[in-house]
Amino acid sequence: MRRYRAWAETFILVTTWDWLGTISIRYISEQSWLAIPLAVALCGFWWVAAKRAQQRGTLIPALSGAAVGTLLGLTWL
């Protein structure tokens, strides 16, 4: 049961984070060139997060959450 809870928490956290990141990059890119460094920083965050998730055994929900969050961010409004 503890493992499923860790997976669910990871999935929800990563989905929310990636959704907010994608939405912010979309809106910033319409107004500023700062969207490019923001996208690079977000990519760097995911490299670190994937390594930590692999150590905790939560890589699958982390990557799934990232995919869902990005999809929601791209299709929102």
N, C-alpha and C. Protein backbone atom coordinates (compact mmCIF):
# COMPACT_ATOMS: atom_id res chain seq x y z
N MET A 1 0.82 -1.19 0.00
CA MET A 1 0.00 0.00 0.00
C MET A 1 0.87 1.26 0.00
N ARG A 2 1.99 1.21 0.70
CA ARG A 2 2.88 2.36 0.78
C ARG A 2 3.47 2.71 -0.58
N ARG A 3 3.75 1.68 -1.37
CA ARG A 3 4.32 1.92 -2.69
C ARG A 3 3.33 2.61 -3.61
N TYR A 4 2.06 2.20 -3.56
CA TYR A 4 1.04 2.84 -4.39
C TYR A 4 0.82 4.29 -3.99
N ARG A 5 0.92 4.56 -2.70
CA ARG A 5 0.77 5.94 -2.24
C ARG A 5 1.92 6.80 -2.76
N ALA A 6 3.14 6.27 -2.71
CA ALA A 6 4.30 7.01 -3.22
C ALA A 6 4.16 7.25 -4.72
N TRP A 7 3.66 6.25 -5.45
CA TRP A 7 3.44 6.40 -6.88
C TRP A 7 2.40 7.47 -7.17
N ALA A 8 1.29 7.44 -6.42
CA ALA A 8 0.21 8.41 -6.63
C ALA A 8 0.68 9.83 -6.31
N GLU A 9 1.39 9.99 -5.20
CA GLU A 9 1.91 11.30 -4.83
C GLU A 9 2.88 11.83 -5.88
N THR A 10 3.76 10.96 -6.35
CA THR A 10 4.72 11.36 -7.38
C THR A 10 4.01 11.77 -8.65
N PHE A 11 3.05 10.96 -9.08
CA PHE A 11 2.31 11.25 -10.32
C PHE A 11 1.59 12.60 -10.22
N ILE A 12 0.91 12.83 -9.12
CA ILE A 12 0.14 14.07 -8.96
C ILE A 12 1.07 15.28 -8.90
N LEU A 13 2.15 15.17 -8.15
CA LEU A 13 3.11 16.27 -8.03
C LEU A 13 3.74 16.60 -9.38
N VAL A 14 4.18 15.59 -10.08
CA VAL A 14 4.85 15.81 -11.36
C VAL A 14 3.87 16.34 -12.40
N THR A 15 2.66 15.81 -12.42
CA THR A 15 1.65 16.29 -13.37
C THR A 15 1.37 17.77 -13.14
N THR A 16 1.16 18.13 -11.89
CA THR A 16 0.87 19.53 -11.57
C THR A 16 2.04 20.44 -11.92
N TRP A 17 3.23 20.02 -11.56
CA TRP A 17 4.43 20.82 -11.84
C TRP A 17 4.61 21.02 -13.34
N ASP A 18 4.48 19.95 -14.09
CA ASP A 18 4.71 20.06 -15.53
C ASP A 18 3.60 20.86 -16.21
N TRP A 19 2.38 20.71 -15.74
CA TRP A 19 1.27 21.49 -16.29
C TRP A 19 1.52 22.99 -16.08
N LEU A 20 1.88 23.36 -14.85
CA LEU A 20 2.16 24.76 -14.56
C LEU A 20 3.36 25.28 -15.37
N GLY A 21 4.38 24.46 -15.50
CA GLY A 21 5.55 24.85 -16.28
C GLY A 21 5.21 25.06 -17.75
N THR A 22 4.43 24.16 -18.31
CA THR A 22 4.05 24.27 -19.72
C THR A 22 3.17 25.49 -19.96
N ILE A 23 2.20 25.70 -19.08
CA ILE A 23 1.33 26.87 -19.21
C ILE A 23 2.15 28.16 -19.12
N SER A 24 3.05 28.24 -18.16
CA SER A 24 3.83 29.47 -17.99
C SER A 24 4.74 29.70 -19.19
N ILE A 25 5.33 28.66 -19.72
CA ILE A 25 6.18 28.82 -20.90
C ILE A 25 5.36 29.28 -22.10
N ARG A 26 4.15 28.73 -22.25
CA ARG A 26 3.29 29.17 -23.36
C ARG A 26 2.97 30.65 -23.28
N TYR A 27 2.60 31.12 -22.10
CA TYR A 27 2.23 32.52 -21.96
C TYR A 27 3.43 33.46 -22.02
N ILE A 28 4.55 33.03 -21.48
CA ILE A 28 5.76 33.87 -21.55
C ILE A 28 6.27 33.94 -22.99
N SER A 29 6.17 32.84 -23.72
CA SER A 29 6.72 32.83 -25.08
C SER A 29 5.98 33.80 -26.00
N GLU A 30 4.74 34.13 -25.67
CA GLU A 30 4.01 35.10 -26.48
C GLU A 30 4.52 36.52 -26.23
N GLN A 31 5.18 36.75 -25.10
CA GLN A 31 5.55 38.10 -24.73
C GLN A 31 7.05 38.34 -24.59
N SER A 32 7.83 37.28 -24.44
CA SER A 32 9.23 37.49 -24.10
C SER A 32 10.11 36.36 -24.62
N TRP A 33 11.37 36.69 -24.84
CA TRP A 33 12.35 35.69 -25.25
C TRP A 33 12.79 34.84 -24.07
N LEU A 34 12.37 35.18 -22.85
CA LEU A 34 12.76 34.43 -21.66
C LEU A 34 12.15 33.03 -21.62
N ALA A 35 11.26 32.73 -22.54
CA ALA A 35 10.67 31.40 -22.58
C ALA A 35 11.73 30.34 -22.88
N ILE A 36 12.73 30.68 -23.64
CA ILE A 36 13.76 29.70 -24.00
C ILE A 36 14.57 29.28 -22.78
N PRO A 37 15.13 30.22 -21.98
CA PRO A 37 15.85 29.77 -20.78
C PRO A 37 14.94 29.06 -19.78
N LEU A 38 13.68 29.47 -19.72
CA LEU A 38 12.75 28.80 -18.83
C LEU A 38 12.53 27.35 -19.26
N ALA A 39 12.42 27.10 -20.54
CA ALA A 39 12.25 25.75 -21.04
C ALA A 39 13.51 24.91 -20.77
N VAL A 40 14.68 25.51 -20.90
CA VAL A 40 15.93 24.80 -20.62
C VAL A 40 16.02 24.45 -19.14
N ALA A 41 15.62 25.40 -18.27
CA ALA A 41 15.65 25.13 -16.84
C ALA A 41 14.68 24.02 -16.47
N LEU A 42 13.52 24.01 -17.10
CA LEU A 42 12.54 22.95 -16.84
C LEU A 42 13.08 21.60 -17.28
N CYS A 43 13.78 21.56 -18.40
CA CYS A 43 14.39 20.32 -18.87
C CYS A 43 15.45 19.84 -17.88
N GLY A 44 16.25 20.76 -17.38
CA GLY A 44 17.27 20.40 -16.38
C GLY A 44 16.64 19.85 -15.12
N PHE A 45 15.53 20.45 -14.70
CA PHE A 45 14.81 19.94 -13.54
C PHE A 45 14.40 18.50 -13.77
N TRP A 46 13.93 18.18 -14.97
CA TRP A 46 13.47 16.82 -15.23
C TRP A 46 14.60 15.81 -15.25
N TRP A 47 15.79 16.22 -15.67
CA TRP A 47 16.93 15.30 -15.62
C TRP A 47 17.25 14.93 -14.18
N VAL A 48 17.25 15.92 -13.30
CA VAL A 48 17.53 15.67 -11.88
C VAL A 48 16.40 14.86 -11.25
N ALA A 49 15.16 15.24 -11.56
CA ALA A 49 14.01 14.54 -10.98
C ALA A 49 13.96 13.08 -11.43
N ALA A 50 14.28 12.82 -12.69
CA ALA A 50 14.26 11.44 -13.18
C ALA A 50 15.31 10.59 -12.47
N LYS A 51 16.47 11.16 -12.22
CA LYS A 51 17.52 10.42 -11.51
C LYS A 51 17.09 10.10 -10.08
N ARG A 52 16.48 11.07 -9.39
CA ARG A 52 16.01 10.82 -8.03
C ARG A 52 14.84 9.84 -8.02
N ALA A 53 13.96 9.95 -9.00
CA ALA A 53 12.81 9.04 -9.07
C ALA A 53 13.30 7.61 -9.31
N GLN A 54 14.34 7.46 -10.09
CA GLN A 54 14.89 6.14 -10.36
C GLN A 54 15.43 5.53 -9.08
N GLN A 55 16.02 6.34 -8.23
CA GLN A 55 16.55 5.85 -6.97
C GLN A 55 15.43 5.45 -6.01
N ARG A 56 14.31 6.15 -6.05
CA ARG A 56 13.18 5.86 -5.16
C ARG A 56 12.23 4.81 -5.73
N GLY A 57 12.42 4.41 -6.96
CA GLY A 57 11.53 3.43 -7.57
C GLY A 57 10.24 4.03 -8.08
N THR A 58 10.25 5.33 -8.34
CA THR A 58 9.04 5.99 -8.82
C THR A 58 9.25 6.62 -10.19
N LEU A 59 10.10 6.02 -11.00
CA LEU A 59 10.38 6.57 -12.32
C LEU A 59 9.17 6.50 -13.24
N ILE A 60 8.44 5.40 -13.21
CA ILE A 60 7.28 5.24 -14.10
C ILE A 60 6.21 6.30 -13.83
N PRO A 61 5.78 6.50 -12.58
CA PRO A 61 4.77 7.56 -12.38
C PRO A 61 5.32 8.96 -12.62
N ALA A 62 6.62 9.17 -12.43
CA ALA A 62 7.20 10.49 -12.70
C ALA A 62 7.16 10.79 -14.19
N LEU A 63 7.56 9.85 -15.01
CA LEU A 63 7.54 10.07 -16.45
C LEU A 63 6.11 10.14 -16.99
N SER A 64 5.22 9.33 -16.43
CA SER A 64 3.81 9.39 -16.84
C SER A 64 3.21 10.75 -16.46
N GLY A 65 3.52 11.22 -15.26
CA GLY A 65 3.03 12.52 -14.83
C GLY A 65 3.56 13.65 -15.70
N ALA A 66 4.82 13.54 -16.10
CA ALA A 66 5.40 14.56 -16.98
C ALA A 66 4.68 14.58 -18.33
N ALA A 67 4.40 13.42 -18.87
CA ALA A 67 3.70 13.35 -20.15
C ALA A 67 2.29 13.92 -20.04
N VAL A 68 1.57 13.54 -19.00
CA VAL A 68 0.20 14.03 -18.81
C VAL A 68 0.20 15.52 -18.55
N GLY A 69 1.11 16.01 -17.72
CA GLY A 69 1.18 17.43 -17.42
C GLY A 69 1.49 18.27 -18.65
N THR A 70 2.42 17.80 -19.47
CA THR A 70 2.74 18.52 -20.70
C THR A 70 1.56 18.52 -21.66
N LEU A 71 0.90 17.37 -21.79
CA LEU A 71 -0.26 17.29 -22.67
C LEU A 71 -1.37 18.24 -22.21
N LEU A 72 -1.64 18.26 -20.90
CA LEU A 72 -2.65 19.18 -20.38
C LEU A 72 -2.24 20.64 -20.60
N GLY A 73 -0.97 20.93 -20.41
CA GLY A 73 -0.49 22.29 -20.60
C GLY A 73 -0.57 22.77 -22.03
N LEU A 74 -0.34 21.87 -22.97
CA LEU A 74 -0.40 22.23 -24.37
C LEU A 74 -1.82 22.36 -24.90
N THR A 75 -2.73 21.62 -24.32
CA THR A 75 -4.11 21.64 -24.81
C THR A 75 -5.03 22.54 -23.99
N TRP A 76 -4.53 23.09 -22.89
CA TRP A 76 -5.35 23.93 -22.02
C TRP A 76 -5.67 25.23 -22.74
N LEU A 77 -6.90 25.61 -22.77
CA LEU A 77 -7.38 26.82 -23.42
C LEU A 77 -6.90 26.85 -24.82
